[in-house]
Amino acid sequence: MLALSERRSSREWETLVSVTAVVNVIMVGLYWAIKFDDPANLNTGRALPFWADYYLHLIGPLLQWIDAVFVHGAFRRQGQISIWLIGTISVYLAFIELIVAPNAEFPYGAVTSGLPYPFLNNMLLIDRFWFYISATVAAFVALAVFAVIANVYRRRRTRR
């Protein structure tokens, strides 16, 4: 991103920047919702240090969102971003459901084992499916919000 800002790169990274920002919204939103509900559903007894928790799950993503919207000016190619967002989510879900879970014994839950977060291991496959669908819908809502904010910012900046 710095190389783009300083005009040292001619490569276009808007789609990657946009998808990363949206995925960060979902991860941060889910993380804090689950943490406030029951922190045991996130980790296996080894909590992160306070500073690392806030950097990974709040400050780092916040800086990336600011950079994506106000510095890089991402979120212009909605169709391309949507395709890559669906692809990214699908590959991740296939990876954890088809590769990680069958090959890992820990963490374990009431229903299954091996999924990366303990709460997922306590859900039936159909419940996980609906959870994944709701997270994907939330991702597209986040994409729409980012696109509106970025568009308004671009318009106001070009009027000056």
Protein backbone atom coordinates (compact mmCIF):
# COMPACT_ATOMS: atom_id res chain seq x y z
CA MET A 1 0.00 0.00 0.00
CA LEU A 2 2.83 2.38 0.79
CA ALA A 3 4.42 1.72 -2.60
CA LEU A 4 1.12 2.59 -4.29
CA SER A 5 0.75 5.77 -2.25
CA GLU A 6 4.27 6.83 -3.19
CA ARG A 7 3.72 5.93 -6.87
CA ARG A 8 6.47 3.27 -6.76
CA SER A 9 4.14 0.56 -8.08
CA SER A 10 1.89 0.47 -11.10
CA ARG A 11 0.08 -2.72 -10.08
CA GLU A 12 -3.60 -2.46 -9.27
CA TRP A 13 -4.58 -3.96 -5.92
CA GLU A 14 -8.04 -2.49 -5.43
CA THR A 15 -9.86 -5.81 -5.44
CA LEU A 16 -7.49 -7.44 -2.95
CA VAL A 17 -7.59 -4.38 -0.69
CA SER A 18 -11.40 -4.30 -0.83
CA VAL A 19 -11.86 -8.01 -0.14
CA THR A 20 -9.37 -7.89 2.72
CA ALA A 21 -11.19 -4.95 4.30
CA VAL A 22 -14.55 -6.73 4.09
CA VAL A 23 -13.17 -10.00 5.47
CA ASN A 24 -11.64 -8.00 8.33
CA VAL A 25 -15.06 -6.54 9.16
CA ILE A 26 -16.55 -10.02 9.41
CA MET A 27 -13.68 -11.39 11.46
CA VAL A 28 -13.62 -8.41 13.84
CA GLY A 29 -17.40 -8.37 14.21
CA LEU A 30 -17.62 -12.08 14.88
CA TYR A 31 -14.62 -12.03 17.19
CA TRP A 32 -15.94 -9.32 19.49
CA ALA A 33 -19.52 -10.63 19.46
CA ILE A 34 -18.30 -14.07 20.48
CA LYS A 35 -15.77 -12.71 22.97
CA PHE A 36 -18.40 -10.63 24.77
CA ASP A 37 -20.84 -13.56 24.76
CA ASP A 38 -18.42 -16.23 26.01
CA PRO A 39 -14.63 -15.93 25.59
CA ALA A 40 -14.30 -19.71 25.99
CA ASN A 41 -15.87 -20.08 22.54
CA LEU A 42 -12.84 -18.41 20.96
CA ASN A 43 -9.79 -19.98 22.46
CA THR A 44 -8.72 -23.19 24.07
CA GLY A 45 -7.58 -21.70 27.35
CA ARG A 46 -4.64 -19.67 26.06
CA ALA A 47 -5.87 -16.11 25.75
CA LEU A 48 -3.81 -13.55 23.88
CA PRO A 49 -2.07 -10.78 25.81
CA PHE A 50 -4.22 -7.66 26.07
CA TRP A 51 -2.12 -5.63 23.61
CA ALA A 52 -2.00 -8.41 21.00
CA ASP A 53 -5.74 -9.02 21.24
CA TYR A 54 -6.57 -5.37 20.58
CA TYR A 55 -3.98 -4.98 17.85
CA LEU A 56 -5.08 -8.10 15.94
CA HIS A 57 -8.79 -7.67 16.44
CA LEU A 58 -9.30 -3.91 16.39
CA ILE A 59 -6.39 -1.52 15.75
CA GLY A 60 -4.81 -3.36 12.80
CA PRO A 61 -8.09 -3.82 10.92
CA LEU A 62 -9.14 -0.24 11.70
CA LEU A 63 -5.93 1.08 10.14
CA GLN A 64 -6.51 -1.13 7.10
CA TRP A 65 -10.09 0.14 6.70
CA ILE A 66 -8.92 3.76 6.86
CA ASP A 67 -6.22 3.02 4.31
CA ALA A 68 -8.60 1.17 1.98
CA VAL A 69 -11.29 3.84 1.97
CA PHE A 70 -9.44 7.13 2.40
CA VAL A 71 -5.91 6.52 1.12
CA HIS A 72 -6.18 3.84 -1.55
CA GLY A 73 -9.71 4.70 -2.69
CA ALA A 74 -10.84 1.10 -3.04
CA PHE A 75 -14.37 -0.29 -3.55
CA ARG A 76 -14.91 0.92 -7.12
CA ARG A 77 -15.32 -2.44 -8.91
CA GLN A 78 -18.27 -4.00 -7.12
CA GLY A 79 -18.71 -6.94 -9.50
CA GLN A 80 -15.10 -8.03 -9.39
CA ILE A 81 -14.92 -7.52 -5.63
CA SER A 82 -18.10 -9.59 -5.13
CA ILE A 83 -16.74 -12.49 -7.17
CA TRP A 84 -13.47 -12.51 -5.25
CA LEU A 85 -15.30 -12.16 -1.93
CA ILE A 86 -17.50 -15.18 -2.65
CA GLY A 87 -14.43 -17.10 -3.82
CA THR A 88 -12.41 -16.20 -0.73
CA ILE A 89 -15.20 -17.15 1.66
CA SER A 90 -15.94 -20.38 -0.23
CA VAL A 91 -12.30 -21.49 -0.30
CA TYR A 92 -11.88 -20.75 3.41
CA LEU A 93 -15.04 -22.64 4.37
CA ALA A 94 -14.15 -25.60 2.16
CA PHE A 95 -10.67 -25.63 3.68
CA ILE A 96 -11.85 -25.71 7.30
CA GLU A 97 -14.74 -28.12 6.69
CA LEU A 98 -13.08 -30.55 4.26
CA ILE A 99 -9.39 -30.44 5.18
CA VAL A 100 -8.83 -29.02 8.66
CA ALA A 101 -11.75 -30.56 10.58
CA PRO A 102 -11.31 -34.16 9.36
CA ASN A 103 -7.58 -34.07 10.09
CA ALA A 104 -7.58 -32.33 13.48
CA GLU A 105 -8.74 -33.71 16.79
CA PHE A 106 -8.59 -30.44 18.67
CA PRO A 107 -10.48 -28.31 19.52
CA TYR A 108 -13.31 -30.69 20.15
CA GLY A 109 -16.95 -30.01 20.82
CA ALA A 110 -20.27 -31.68 21.44
CA VAL A 111 -20.89 -32.34 17.73
CA THR A 112 -17.55 -32.45 15.94
CA SER A 113 -13.90 -31.60 16.35
CA GLY A 114 -11.10 -29.89 14.50
CA LEU A 115 -12.83 -26.69 13.40
CA PRO A 116 -10.75 -23.62 14.27
CA TYR A 117 -13.12 -22.11 16.84
CA PRO A 118 -14.64 -24.12 19.70
CA PHE A 119 -18.17 -22.79 19.12
CA LEU A 120 -18.20 -24.22 15.57
CA ASN A 121 -17.55 -27.68 16.96
CA ASN A 122 -20.75 -27.45 19.01
CA MET A 123 -22.92 -26.81 15.94
CA LEU A 124 -24.52 -29.32 13.60
CA LEU A 125 -23.52 -29.04 9.94
CA ILE A 126 -26.85 -27.42 9.02
CA ASP A 127 -26.42 -24.87 11.81
CA ARG A 128 -22.88 -24.11 10.65
CA PHE A 129 -24.22 -23.73 7.11
CA TRP A 130 -26.72 -21.07 8.23
CA PHE A 131 -24.04 -19.40 10.34
CA TYR A 132 -21.79 -19.24 7.26
CA ILE A 133 -24.65 -17.86 5.15
CA SER A 134 -25.39 -15.13 7.70
CA ALA A 135 -21.70 -14.19 7.86
CA THR A 136 -21.60 -14.00 4.05
CA VAL A 137 -24.68 -11.75 3.97
CA ALA A 138 -23.01 -9.55 6.59
CA ALA A 139 -19.93 -9.41 4.36
CA PHE A 140 -21.98 -8.04 1.49
CA VAL A 141 -23.63 -5.49 3.79
CA ALA A 142 -20.14 -4.40 4.88
CA LEU A 143 -19.08 -4.19 1.23
CA ALA A 144 -22.06 -1.95 0.45
CA VAL A 145 -21.32 0.31 3.43
CA PHE A 146 -17.65 0.62 2.46
CA ALA A 147 -18.61 1.33 -1.16
CA VAL A 148 -20.99 4.13 -0.15
CA ILE A 149 -18.46 5.71 2.23
CA ALA A 150 -15.66 5.48 -0.35
CA ASN A 151 -17.88 6.90 -3.10
CA VAL A 152 -19.03 9.84 -0.96
CA TYR A 153 -15.43 10.54 0.06
CA ARG A 154 -14.21 10.41 -3.57
CA ARG A 155 -16.95 12.80 -4.72
CA ARG A 156 -16.25 15.31 -1.97
CA ARG A 157 -12.51 15.14 -2.56
CA THR A 158 -12.85 15.74 -6.33
CA ARG A 159 -15.12 18.77 -5.80
CA ARG A 160 -12.38 20.66 -3.96
